[in-house]
Amino acid sequence: MALYVAADGTIHNRNDTEVRRGAQERRSARQVSTSRIEAYWFVTIALAILIGCVLYATVGKMIFDVGPEPEGLGEGICSFFGVIAPFAAVAGAVTGAILYGVSYAADSSYNLNTYILASLSALAGAVAAGLILMMICFLIVVFVYMVGAMLVCSLIFGVFLGGS
């Protein structure tokens, strides 16, 4: 029996006109219960919040915690971002889990692997939010010092080059 795959993805028999449905069409016909979908979203978002909190409590405090009295401009700016960091970590984790769930969870019928991959996406989202916050903090500190250096240079050039 000689089989071939047509351009539309269906499998045909060369001897007669019998047509069989492709695996892709059979997979799309699966029905998933509403309670399974609701359980997936509840568990996934709860895990994402837990992952964001744990990640901030273990790693985020080491990065953003400068103590009760920040000394200098850089520590003051990092102290401000330390206030925002827990919320950013949780928001990043929830965003990562939601993005995975919306994009890929329905394709695998909300099986166990979707819970695992959504948790990994939540971890990646929390890490990405922390890195973005850290880069913004660093860039603001560099920008403030650059503006200060330009101000000092302009005052020096103004005094020595005949400013009145």
Foldseek 3Di string as FASTA:
>chain_A
DDWDADPVGWIADPVDGDIDDHPVVVLVPDDADPVLVVVLLVLLLVLLQVLLQVCCVPPVCVQQPDDDDQDDDLNVLSVVLSVVLSVLLSVQLNVQLVVLCVPPCVSVSNDPVNSVVSSVSSNVRSVVSSVVSSVVSVVVVVVVVVVVVVVVVVVVCLVVVDND
